[in-house]
Amino acid sequence: MQFENAGKFILNKLSKELPKRLSYHSVEHILDVCDAAKLIGEQEKISDEEMKLLLTAAWYHDSGFLKGAKDHEEESCRIAKENLPRFDYPPEKIERICGMIMATKIPQSPKNHLEEILADADLDYLGRDDFFSIGDKLFNELSIFGFISTEDEWNRLQVRFLESHHYFTETAIKLRKNKKEEHLALVKSKIR
């Protein structure tokens, strides 16, 4: 597998072709998810081979936004299936990568350890200090697309989301759960 080339290819494509109005689902988000996946994967002691599959899934997981937000996970899988063979990824590895990509679909329902890691990495920021600055990017994106219009609506949406979300891996639970609970309390205090 030409791991590095597969990553360079999609990151280059995303940086050139993603709509600029995507303030949250950007290359910056992809790289953030890669960093979180690597951190969680190392803590969870996955193999080098699994790490390559995990990071490939992280690179491709939101590539479907090239076509639009609706069913972007399915589109991300289509893009992975179309492009990864040219980087010598065999079909069974591409299927595992697609499983991880689909595990990021909300509500998350990962079916194995690697899928749990990517699901946790995708929402790692919920339990980090940069929660509010990253949340502002998502608020802006959702506002532009007309999904929400007021800050109060946004805060209510966040409360519902944070209350229904849970981390899957021991690492994410240990590193992020308590801070996520603090954020939930703060957001609740803002609701009018």
N, C-alpha and C. Protein backbone atom coordinates (compact mmCIF):
# COMPACT_ATOMS: atom_id res chain seq x y z
N MET A 1 0.84 -1.20 0.00
CA MET A 1 0.00 0.00 0.00
C MET A 1 0.88 1.25 0.00
N GLN A 2 0.59 2.14 -0.93
CA GLN A 2 1.31 3.43 -0.98
C GLN A 2 0.57 4.41 -0.07
N PHE A 3 0.77 4.19 1.23
CA PHE A 3 0.04 4.90 2.28
C PHE A 3 0.19 6.43 2.17
N GLU A 4 1.44 6.91 2.15
CA GLU A 4 1.65 8.37 2.12
C GLU A 4 1.05 9.00 0.86
N ASN A 5 1.22 8.32 -0.28
CA ASN A 5 0.69 8.86 -1.54
C ASN A 5 -0.84 8.93 -1.53
N ALA A 6 -1.47 7.93 -0.92
CA ALA A 6 -2.94 7.93 -0.83
C ALA A 6 -3.41 9.14 -0.03
N GLY A 7 -2.68 9.46 1.03
CA GLY A 7 -3.02 10.63 1.86
C GLY A 7 -2.78 11.94 1.14
N LYS A 8 -1.60 12.05 0.51
CA LYS A 8 -1.28 13.28 -0.23
C LYS A 8 -2.31 13.55 -1.31
N PHE A 9 -2.71 12.49 -2.02
CA PHE A 9 -3.67 12.63 -3.10
C PHE A 9 -4.98 13.27 -2.61
N ILE A 10 -5.59 12.68 -1.56
CA ILE A 10 -6.91 13.16 -1.13
C ILE A 10 -6.80 14.52 -0.45
N LEU A 11 -5.75 14.76 0.33
CA LEU A 11 -5.61 16.06 1.00
C LEU A 11 -5.43 17.17 -0.04
N ASN A 12 -4.68 16.90 -1.09
CA ASN A 12 -4.48 17.86 -2.16
C ASN A 12 -5.81 18.15 -2.86
N LYS A 13 -6.54 17.08 -3.16
CA LYS A 13 -7.85 17.22 -3.83
C LYS A 13 -8.81 18.03 -2.96
N LEU A 14 -8.87 17.72 -1.67
CA LEU A 14 -9.77 18.42 -0.75
C LEU A 14 -9.38 19.89 -0.61
N SER A 15 -8.08 20.17 -0.51
CA SER A 15 -7.66 21.57 -0.33
C SER A 15 -7.99 22.41 -1.56
N LYS A 16 -8.02 21.79 -2.73
CA LYS A 16 -8.34 22.53 -3.96
C LYS A 16 -9.84 22.60 -4.23
N GLU A 17 -10.58 21.53 -3.90
CA GLU A 17 -11.96 21.40 -4.40
C GLU A 17 -13.08 21.53 -3.37
N LEU A 18 -12.77 21.45 -2.07
CA LEU A 18 -13.84 21.60 -1.08
C LEU A 18 -14.41 23.01 -1.15
N PRO A 19 -15.73 23.16 -1.05
CA PRO A 19 -16.30 24.51 -1.04
C PRO A 19 -15.71 25.34 0.11
N LYS A 20 -15.32 26.56 -0.20
CA LYS A 20 -14.66 27.43 0.81
C LYS A 20 -15.60 27.78 1.96
N ARG A 21 -16.92 27.71 1.72
CA ARG A 21 -17.86 28.07 2.79
C ARG A 21 -17.98 26.99 3.87
N LEU A 22 -17.31 25.85 3.67
CA LEU A 22 -17.30 24.82 4.71
C LEU A 22 -16.28 25.23 5.77
N SER A 23 -16.77 25.87 6.83
CA SER A 23 -15.85 26.36 7.86
C SER A 23 -15.47 25.25 8.85
N TYR A 24 -16.33 24.22 8.96
CA TYR A 24 -16.04 23.11 9.87
C TYR A 24 -15.50 21.90 9.11
N HIS A 25 -16.21 21.45 8.09
CA HIS A 25 -15.79 20.26 7.33
C HIS A 25 -14.73 20.66 6.30
N SER A 26 -13.55 20.96 6.82
CA SER A 26 -12.45 21.50 6.02
C SER A 26 -11.24 20.56 6.12
N VAL A 27 -10.18 20.90 5.40
CA VAL A 27 -8.93 20.13 5.50
C VAL A 27 -8.40 20.20 6.94
N GLU A 28 -8.60 21.34 7.58
CA GLU A 28 -8.17 21.50 8.98
C GLU A 28 -8.85 20.45 9.87
N HIS A 29 -10.15 20.22 9.64
CA HIS A 29 -10.89 19.18 10.40
C HIS A 29 -10.30 17.80 10.10
N ILE A 30 -10.05 17.51 8.84
CA ILE A 30 -9.48 16.20 8.45
C ILE A 30 -8.16 15.96 9.20
N LEU A 31 -7.29 16.98 9.20
CA LEU A 31 -5.98 16.84 9.86
C LEU A 31 -6.14 16.70 11.37
N ASP A 32 -7.13 17.39 11.94
CA ASP A 32 -7.42 17.29 13.36
C ASP A 32 -7.87 15.87 13.71
N VAL A 33 -8.74 15.30 12.88
CA VAL A 33 -9.21 13.93 13.10
C VAL A 33 -8.05 12.94 12.95
N CYS A 34 -7.16 13.18 12.01
CA CYS A 34 -5.97 12.32 11.85
C CYS A 34 -5.10 12.34 13.11
N ASP A 35 -4.88 13.54 13.64
CA ASP A 35 -4.07 13.67 14.87
C ASP A 35 -4.74 12.93 16.03
N ALA A 36 -6.05 13.10 16.16
CA ALA A 36 -6.78 12.43 17.25
C ALA A 36 -6.76 10.92 17.05
N ALA A 37 -6.94 10.46 15.81
CA ALA A 37 -6.93 9.02 15.51
C ALA A 37 -5.57 8.41 15.86
N LYS A 38 -4.51 9.14 15.50
CA LYS A 38 -3.16 8.65 15.78
C LYS A 38 -2.94 8.54 17.30
N LEU A 39 -3.33 9.57 18.02
CA LEU A 39 -3.19 9.59 19.48
C LEU A 39 -3.97 8.44 20.11
N ILE A 40 -5.24 8.29 19.74
CA ILE A 40 -6.08 7.23 20.32
C ILE A 40 -5.53 5.86 19.89
N GLY A 41 -5.19 5.72 18.61
CA GLY A 41 -4.65 4.45 18.10
C GLY A 41 -3.40 4.01 18.84
N GLU A 42 -2.50 4.97 19.10
CA GLU A 42 -1.26 4.65 19.85
C GLU A 42 -1.60 4.21 21.26
N GLN A 43 -2.49 4.96 21.92
CA GLN A 43 -2.88 4.62 23.31
C GLN A 43 -3.59 3.27 23.37
N GLU A 44 -4.35 2.95 22.31
CA GLU A 44 -5.09 1.69 22.27
C GLU A 44 -4.21 0.54 21.75
N LYS A 45 -2.95 0.85 21.45
CA LYS A 45 -1.93 -0.14 21.05
C LYS A 45 -2.33 -0.96 19.81
N ILE A 46 -2.79 -0.26 18.77
CA ILE A 46 -3.10 -0.96 17.52
C ILE A 46 -1.80 -1.20 16.75
N SER A 47 -1.83 -2.13 15.81
CA SER A 47 -0.63 -2.47 15.03
C SER A 47 -0.32 -1.38 14.00
N ASP A 48 0.89 -1.42 13.43
CA ASP A 48 1.28 -0.46 12.39
C ASP A 48 0.35 -0.56 11.18
N GLU A 49 0.02 -1.78 10.81
CA GLU A 49 -0.89 -2.01 9.68
C GLU A 49 -2.26 -1.38 9.96
N GLU A 50 -2.79 -1.61 11.16
CA GLU A 50 -4.08 -1.03 11.54
C GLU A 50 -4.02 0.50 11.56
N MET A 51 -2.88 1.04 12.01
CA MET A 51 -2.72 2.50 12.05
C MET A 51 -2.80 3.08 10.64
N LYS A 52 -2.20 2.41 9.68
CA LYS A 52 -2.25 2.90 8.29
C LYS A 52 -3.69 2.89 7.77
N LEU A 53 -4.42 1.83 8.07
CA LEU A 53 -5.83 1.77 7.64
C LEU A 53 -6.65 2.86 8.34
N LEU A 54 -6.41 3.03 9.63
CA LEU A 54 -7.12 4.04 10.42
C LEU A 54 -6.87 5.45 9.87
N LEU A 55 -5.61 5.77 9.61
CA LEU A 55 -5.29 7.10 9.11
C LEU A 55 -5.80 7.31 7.69
N THR A 56 -5.81 6.26 6.89
CA THR A 56 -6.38 6.37 5.55
C THR A 56 -7.87 6.69 5.67
N ALA A 57 -8.56 5.99 6.56
CA ALA A 57 -9.99 6.26 6.77
C ALA A 57 -10.20 7.70 7.26
N ALA A 58 -9.31 8.17 8.13
CA ALA A 58 -9.43 9.55 8.63
C ALA A 58 -9.26 10.55 7.48
N TRP A 59 -8.29 10.31 6.60
CA TRP A 59 -8.07 11.21 5.45
C TRP A 59 -9.30 11.27 4.55
N TYR A 60 -9.95 10.13 4.36
CA TYR A 60 -11.05 10.04 3.39
C TYR A 60 -12.43 10.25 3.99
N HIS A 61 -12.55 10.31 5.33
CA HIS A 61 -13.87 10.19 5.95
C HIS A 61 -14.87 11.29 5.59
N ASP A 62 -14.40 12.48 5.27
CA ASP A 62 -15.31 13.56 4.88
C ASP A 62 -15.11 14.01 3.44
N SER A 63 -14.42 13.18 2.64
CA SER A 63 -14.19 13.55 1.24
C SER A 63 -15.50 13.65 0.46
N GLY A 64 -16.55 13.01 0.95
CA GLY A 64 -17.86 13.09 0.31
C GLY A 64 -18.43 14.50 0.26
N PHE A 65 -17.90 15.40 1.12
CA PHE A 65 -18.33 16.80 1.07
C PHE A 65 -17.95 17.47 -0.25
N LEU A 66 -17.12 16.81 -1.04
CA LEU A 66 -16.83 17.32 -2.39
C LEU A 66 -18.12 17.34 -3.21
N LYS A 67 -19.05 16.44 -2.90
CA LYS A 67 -20.34 16.36 -3.60
C LYS A 67 -21.48 17.03 -2.82
N GLY A 68 -21.33 17.11 -1.49
CA GLY A 68 -22.38 17.72 -0.66
C GLY A 68 -22.48 17.04 0.68
N ALA A 69 -23.28 17.65 1.58
CA ALA A 69 -23.38 17.14 2.95
C ALA A 69 -24.25 15.88 3.06
N LYS A 70 -25.30 15.81 2.23
CA LYS A 70 -26.23 14.69 2.35
C LYS A 70 -25.53 13.37 2.00
N ASP A 71 -25.64 12.40 2.90
CA ASP A 71 -25.04 11.07 2.71
C ASP A 71 -23.56 11.14 2.33
N HIS A 72 -22.85 12.10 2.93
CA HIS A 72 -21.44 12.27 2.55
C HIS A 72 -20.58 11.07 2.94
N GLU A 73 -20.99 10.31 3.94
CA GLU A 73 -20.19 9.13 4.31
C GLU A 73 -20.21 8.09 3.19
N GLU A 74 -21.39 7.85 2.62
CA GLU A 74 -21.49 6.92 1.49
C GLU A 74 -20.64 7.41 0.31
N GLU A 75 -20.70 8.70 0.06
CA GLU A 75 -19.91 9.29 -1.03
C GLU A 75 -18.41 9.19 -0.72
N SER A 76 -18.05 9.37 0.55
CA SER A 76 -16.64 9.23 0.95
C SER A 76 -16.16 7.80 0.66
N CYS A 77 -17.00 6.81 0.94
CA CYS A 77 -16.66 5.41 0.64
C CYS A 77 -16.49 5.20 -0.86
N ARG A 78 -17.39 5.81 -1.63
CA ARG A 78 -17.29 5.69 -3.08
C ARG A 78 -15.96 6.26 -3.58
N ILE A 79 -15.58 7.42 -3.03
CA ILE A 79 -14.31 8.06 -3.42
C ILE A 79 -13.13 7.18 -3.01
N ALA A 80 -13.20 6.60 -1.82
CA ALA A 80 -12.13 5.70 -1.35
C ALA A 80 -12.03 4.48 -2.28
N LYS A 81 -13.17 3.87 -2.60
CA LYS A 81 -13.19 2.67 -3.46
C LYS A 81 -12.68 2.98 -4.87
N GLU A 82 -12.94 4.19 -5.32
CA GLU A 82 -12.52 4.60 -6.65
C GLU A 82 -11.01 4.89 -6.70
N ASN A 83 -10.47 5.47 -5.64
CA ASN A 83 -9.09 5.97 -5.68
C ASN A 83 -8.04 5.09 -5.01
N LEU A 84 -8.41 4.37 -3.94
CA LEU A 84 -7.40 3.60 -3.20
C LEU A 84 -6.78 2.44 -3.99
N PRO A 85 -7.50 1.79 -4.92
CA PRO A 85 -6.84 0.72 -5.69
C PRO A 85 -5.59 1.20 -6.43
N ARG A 86 -5.59 2.44 -6.90
CA ARG A 86 -4.39 2.93 -7.63
C ARG A 86 -3.20 3.13 -6.70
N PHE A 87 -3.44 3.10 -5.38
CA PHE A 87 -2.35 3.16 -4.40
C PHE A 87 -2.13 1.79 -3.76
N ASP A 88 -2.51 0.75 -4.49
CA ASP A 88 -2.27 -0.65 -4.11
C ASP A 88 -2.96 -1.08 -2.81
N TYR A 89 -4.13 -0.51 -2.54
CA TYR A 89 -4.93 -0.98 -1.40
C TYR A 89 -5.79 -2.12 -1.90
N PRO A 90 -5.68 -3.32 -1.29
CA PRO A 90 -6.52 -4.44 -1.74
C PRO A 90 -7.98 -4.26 -1.29
N PRO A 91 -8.91 -4.90 -2.01
CA PRO A 91 -10.35 -4.73 -1.73
C PRO A 91 -10.74 -4.96 -0.26
N GLU A 92 -10.16 -5.97 0.39
CA GLU A 92 -10.56 -6.23 1.78
C GLU A 92 -10.13 -5.10 2.72
N LYS A 93 -9.01 -4.45 2.43
CA LYS A 93 -8.56 -3.31 3.26
C LYS A 93 -9.45 -2.10 3.00
N ILE A 94 -9.86 -1.92 1.76
CA ILE A 94 -10.75 -0.80 1.41
C ILE A 94 -12.09 -0.99 2.11
N GLU A 95 -12.56 -2.23 2.20
CA GLU A 95 -13.82 -2.50 2.92
C GLU A 95 -13.69 -2.12 4.40
N ARG A 96 -12.55 -2.44 5.00
CA ARG A 96 -12.34 -2.07 6.42
C ARG A 96 -12.32 -0.55 6.57
N ILE A 97 -11.68 0.14 5.61
CA ILE A 97 -11.62 1.60 5.63
C ILE A 97 -13.04 2.18 5.51
N CYS A 98 -13.84 1.61 4.62
CA CYS A 98 -15.23 2.08 4.46
C CYS A 98 -16.05 1.83 5.72
N GLY A 99 -15.80 0.73 6.40
CA GLY A 99 -16.47 0.47 7.68
C GLY A 99 -16.16 1.57 8.69
N MET A 100 -14.90 1.99 8.73
CA MET A 100 -14.52 3.08 9.64
C MET A 100 -15.17 4.40 9.25
N ILE A 101 -15.19 4.68 7.95
CA ILE A 101 -15.83 5.91 7.47
C ILE A 101 -17.31 5.92 7.87
N MET A 102 -18.00 4.80 7.64
CA MET A 102 -19.43 4.72 7.97
C MET A 102 -19.68 4.83 9.48
N ALA A 103 -18.70 4.45 10.28
CA ALA A 103 -18.84 4.54 11.74
C ALA A 103 -18.87 5.99 12.23
N THR A 104 -18.49 6.95 11.36
CA THR A 104 -18.54 8.36 11.76
C THR A 104 -19.93 8.97 11.51
N LYS A 105 -20.80 8.23 10.84
CA LYS A 105 -22.16 8.73 10.56
C LYS A 105 -22.94 8.85 11.86
N ILE A 106 -23.64 9.97 12.02
CA ILE A 106 -24.41 10.23 13.23
C ILE A 106 -25.81 9.63 13.08
N PRO A 107 -26.36 8.87 14.04
CA PRO A 107 -25.71 8.47 15.29
C PRO A 107 -24.65 7.39 15.04
N GLN A 108 -23.53 7.54 15.70
CA GLN A 108 -22.42 6.63 15.48
C GLN A 108 -22.74 5.22 15.97
N SER A 109 -22.39 4.22 15.14
CA SER A 109 -22.58 2.83 15.58
C SER A 109 -21.42 1.96 15.07
N PRO A 110 -20.23 2.16 15.65
CA PRO A 110 -19.08 1.36 15.23
C PRO A 110 -19.25 -0.10 15.59
N LYS A 111 -18.68 -0.98 14.74
CA LYS A 111 -18.85 -2.42 14.93
C LYS A 111 -17.56 -3.14 15.33
N ASN A 112 -16.43 -2.41 15.36
CA ASN A 112 -15.17 -3.02 15.80
C ASN A 112 -14.25 -1.94 16.38
N HIS A 113 -13.10 -2.36 16.85
CA HIS A 113 -12.20 -1.45 17.57
C HIS A 113 -11.73 -0.29 16.70
N LEU A 114 -11.32 -0.54 15.46
CA LEU A 114 -10.85 0.54 14.59
C LEU A 114 -11.98 1.52 14.30
N GLU A 115 -13.19 1.02 14.11
CA GLU A 115 -14.34 1.89 13.87
C GLU A 115 -14.63 2.74 15.10
N GLU A 116 -14.47 2.16 16.29
CA GLU A 116 -14.64 2.94 17.53
C GLU A 116 -13.61 4.05 17.62
N ILE A 117 -12.38 3.75 17.24
CA ILE A 117 -11.31 4.76 17.31
C ILE A 117 -11.62 5.94 16.37
N LEU A 118 -12.01 5.64 15.14
CA LEU A 118 -12.29 6.75 14.21
C LEU A 118 -13.53 7.53 14.64
N ALA A 119 -14.54 6.85 15.13
CA ALA A 119 -15.74 7.55 15.63
C ALA A 119 -15.35 8.51 16.76
N ASP A 120 -14.50 8.05 17.67
CA ASP A 120 -14.05 8.91 18.78
C ASP A 120 -13.17 10.05 18.27
N ALA A 121 -12.31 9.77 17.31
CA ALA A 121 -11.41 10.80 16.78
C ALA A 121 -12.20 11.90 16.08
N ASP A 122 -13.27 11.51 15.37
CA ASP A 122 -14.06 12.48 14.62
C ASP A 122 -14.71 13.50 15.56
N LEU A 123 -15.04 13.08 16.78
CA LEU A 123 -15.69 13.98 17.75
C LEU A 123 -14.81 14.23 18.97
N ASP A 124 -13.51 14.08 18.78
CA ASP A 124 -12.55 14.29 19.86
C ASP A 124 -12.68 15.69 20.48
N TYR A 125 -12.93 16.69 19.64
CA TYR A 125 -12.99 18.07 20.11
C TYR A 125 -14.07 18.31 21.17
N LEU A 126 -15.10 17.44 21.23
CA LEU A 126 -16.17 17.63 22.22
C LEU A 126 -15.61 17.66 23.64
N GLY A 127 -14.48 17.00 23.85
CA GLY A 127 -13.89 16.94 25.19
C GLY A 127 -12.55 17.64 25.28
N ARG A 128 -12.35 18.64 24.42
CA ARG A 128 -11.06 19.37 24.43
C ARG A 128 -11.27 20.85 24.75
N ASP A 129 -10.17 21.51 25.05
CA ASP A 129 -10.21 22.94 25.37
C ASP A 129 -10.66 23.80 24.19
N ASP A 130 -10.47 23.32 22.95
CA ASP A 130 -10.88 24.12 21.79
C ASP A 130 -12.32 23.84 21.36
N PHE A 131 -13.10 23.25 22.24
CA PHE A 131 -14.50 22.91 21.94
C PHE A 131 -15.30 24.10 21.40
N PHE A 132 -15.19 25.25 22.07
CA PHE A 132 -16.03 26.39 21.66
C PHE A 132 -15.55 27.01 20.35
N SER A 133 -14.25 27.09 20.14
CA SER A 133 -13.76 27.68 18.87
C SER A 133 -14.10 26.77 17.68
N ILE A 134 -14.00 25.45 17.87
CA ILE A 134 -14.38 24.53 16.79
C ILE A 134 -15.90 24.53 16.61
N GLY A 135 -16.63 24.58 17.73
CA GLY A 135 -18.08 24.65 17.67
C GLY A 135 -18.56 25.87 16.89
N ASP A 136 -17.86 27.00 17.05
CA ASP A 136 -18.22 28.22 16.30
C ASP A 136 -18.14 27.97 14.79
N LYS A 137 -17.15 27.20 14.36
CA LYS A 137 -17.01 26.89 12.92
C LYS A 137 -18.20 26.06 12.44
N LEU A 138 -18.62 25.11 13.27
CA LEU A 138 -19.77 24.28 12.90
C LEU A 138 -21.05 25.12 12.90
N PHE A 139 -21.20 26.00 13.89
CA PHE A 139 -22.35 26.90 13.95
C PHE A 139 -22.43 27.74 12.67
N ASN A 140 -21.29 28.30 12.26
CA ASN A 140 -21.26 29.12 11.03
C ASN A 140 -21.67 28.31 9.82
N GLU A 141 -21.12 27.09 9.72
CA GLU A 141 -21.43 26.23 8.57
C GLU A 141 -22.91 25.88 8.54
N LEU A 142 -23.46 25.48 9.68
CA LEU A 142 -24.88 25.11 9.75
C LEU A 142 -25.79 26.31 9.47
N SER A 143 -25.35 27.51 9.88
CA SER A 143 -26.11 28.74 9.61
C SER A 143 -26.13 29.04 8.12
N ILE A 144 -24.98 28.95 7.48
CA ILE A 144 -24.88 29.21 6.04
C ILE A 144 -25.83 28.31 5.25
N PHE A 145 -25.93 27.05 5.67
CA PHE A 145 -26.77 26.10 4.95
C PHE A 145 -28.23 26.11 5.44
N GLY A 146 -28.53 27.02 6.38
CA GLY A 146 -29.92 27.20 6.81
C GLY A 146 -30.45 26.15 7.76
N PHE A 147 -29.55 25.37 8.38
CA PHE A 147 -30.01 24.34 9.33
C PHE A 147 -30.40 24.94 10.69
N ILE A 148 -29.73 26.03 11.05
CA ILE A 148 -30.06 26.74 12.28
C ILE A 148 -29.93 28.24 12.01
N SER A 149 -30.62 29.06 12.84
CA SER A 149 -30.55 30.50 12.57
C SER A 149 -30.19 31.33 13.80
N THR A 150 -30.39 30.78 15.00
CA THR A 150 -30.05 31.58 16.19
C THR A 150 -29.07 30.83 17.08
N GLU A 151 -28.40 31.59 17.92
CA GLU A 151 -27.46 31.00 18.87
C GLU A 151 -28.19 30.11 19.87
N ASP A 152 -29.41 30.50 20.24
CA ASP A 152 -30.20 29.69 21.18
C ASP A 152 -30.53 28.33 20.56
N GLU A 153 -30.92 28.33 19.28
CA GLU A 153 -31.17 27.07 18.56
C GLU A 153 -29.92 26.19 18.58
N TRP A 154 -28.79 26.83 18.31
CA TRP A 154 -27.50 26.13 18.28
C TRP A 154 -27.20 25.51 19.64
N ASN A 155 -27.40 26.28 20.71
CA ASN A 155 -27.11 25.76 22.05
C ASN A 155 -28.02 24.58 22.40
N ARG A 156 -29.28 24.66 22.00
CA ARG A 156 -30.20 23.55 22.26
C ARG A 156 -29.80 22.29 21.46
N LEU A 157 -29.39 22.53 20.23
CA LEU A 157 -28.89 21.41 19.40
C LEU A 157 -27.66 20.77 20.04
N GLN A 158 -26.75 21.62 20.52
CA GLN A 158 -25.54 21.10 21.16
C GLN A 158 -25.85 20.30 22.42
N VAL A 159 -26.79 20.79 23.22
CA VAL A 159 -27.16 20.06 24.44
C VAL A 159 -27.69 18.67 24.07
N ARG A 160 -28.62 18.62 23.09
CA ARG A 160 -29.16 17.31 22.67
C ARG A 160 -28.04 16.40 22.17
N PHE A 161 -27.14 16.97 21.39
CA PHE A 161 -26.04 16.18 20.82
C PHE A 161 -25.10 15.68 21.91
N LEU A 162 -24.67 16.56 22.78
CA LEU A 162 -23.73 16.18 23.86
C LEU A 162 -24.36 15.16 24.81
N GLU A 163 -25.65 15.31 25.08
CA GLU A 163 -26.32 14.36 25.98
C GLU A 163 -26.44 12.98 25.35
N SER A 164 -26.60 12.92 24.03
CA SER A 164 -26.77 11.61 23.39
C SER A 164 -25.44 10.97 23.00
N HIS A 165 -24.37 11.77 22.95
CA HIS A 165 -23.06 11.26 22.52
C HIS A 165 -22.34 10.52 23.65
N HIS A 166 -21.62 9.46 23.28
CA HIS A 166 -20.69 8.84 24.22
C HIS A 166 -19.46 8.36 23.46
N TYR A 167 -18.34 8.38 24.14
CA TYR A 167 -17.10 7.86 23.56
C TYR A 167 -17.09 6.34 23.71
N PHE A 168 -16.35 5.69 22.82
CA PHE A 168 -16.31 4.22 22.79
C PHE A 168 -15.03 3.63 23.36
N THR A 169 -13.88 4.26 23.08
CA THR A 169 -12.60 3.68 23.50
C THR A 169 -12.25 4.10 24.92
N GLU A 170 -11.50 3.25 25.60
CA GLU A 170 -11.04 3.58 26.96
C GLU A 170 -10.25 4.88 26.95
N THR A 171 -9.43 5.06 25.91
CA THR A 171 -8.59 6.26 25.80
C THR A 171 -9.43 7.52 25.74
N ALA A 172 -10.42 7.57 24.85
CA ALA A 172 -11.24 8.77 24.70
C ALA A 172 -12.06 9.02 25.97
N ILE A 173 -12.55 7.95 26.58
CA ILE A 173 -13.32 8.11 27.83
C ILE A 173 -12.42 8.74 28.89
N LYS A 174 -11.21 8.22 29.00
CA LYS A 174 -10.27 8.72 30.01
C LYS A 174 -9.84 10.16 29.73
N LEU A 175 -9.54 10.46 28.45
CA LEU A 175 -9.00 11.78 28.09
C LEU A 175 -10.06 12.86 27.89
N ARG A 176 -11.28 12.49 27.47
CA ARG A 176 -12.23 13.51 26.99
C ARG A 176 -13.58 13.58 27.70
N LYS A 177 -13.99 12.51 28.37
CA LYS A 177 -15.35 12.46 28.91
C LYS A 177 -15.63 13.58 29.93
N ASN A 178 -14.75 13.78 30.90
CA ASN A 178 -15.00 14.77 31.95
C ASN A 178 -15.10 16.18 31.39
N LYS A 179 -14.20 16.52 30.48
CA LYS A 179 -14.19 17.85 29.87
C LYS A 179 -15.47 18.03 29.03
N LYS A 180 -15.90 16.99 28.36
CA LYS A 180 -17.14 17.06 27.57
C LYS A 180 -18.32 17.38 28.49
N GLU A 181 -18.36 16.74 29.67
CA GLU A 181 -19.44 16.99 30.64
C GLU A 181 -19.42 18.45 31.11
N GLU A 182 -18.20 19.02 31.30
CA GLU A 182 -18.08 20.44 31.67
C GLU A 182 -18.66 21.32 30.56
N HIS A 183 -18.35 20.98 29.32
CA HIS A 183 -18.87 21.76 28.19
C HIS A 183 -20.39 21.70 28.14
N LEU A 184 -20.93 20.52 28.38
CA LEU A 184 -22.40 20.36 28.38
C LEU A 184 -23.02 21.29 29.42
N ALA A 185 -22.47 21.32 30.63
CA ALA A 185 -23.00 22.18 31.68
C ALA A 185 -22.91 23.66 31.28
N LEU A 186 -21.80 24.05 30.66
CA LEU A 186 -21.63 25.43 30.21
C LEU A 186 -22.66 25.80 29.13
N VAL A 187 -22.85 24.92 28.16
CA VAL A 187 -23.81 25.20 27.09
C VAL A 187 -25.23 25.29 27.68
N LYS A 188 -25.55 24.39 28.58
CA LYS A 188 -26.89 24.43 29.22
C LYS A 188 -27.11 25.78 29.92
N SER A 189 -26.06 26.31 30.53
CA SER A 189 -26.19 27.59 31.28
C SER A 189 -26.44 28.77 30.34
N LYS A 190 -26.15 28.60 29.05
CA LYS A 190 -26.34 29.70 28.07
C LYS A 190 -27.77 29.75 27.51
N ILE A 191 -28.52 28.66 27.69
CA ILE A 191 -29.85 28.59 27.07
C ILE A 191 -30.83 29.52 27.80
N ARG A 192 -31.52 30.31 26.99
CA ARG A 192 -32.48 31.28 27.56
C ARG A 192 -33.80 30.60 27.88
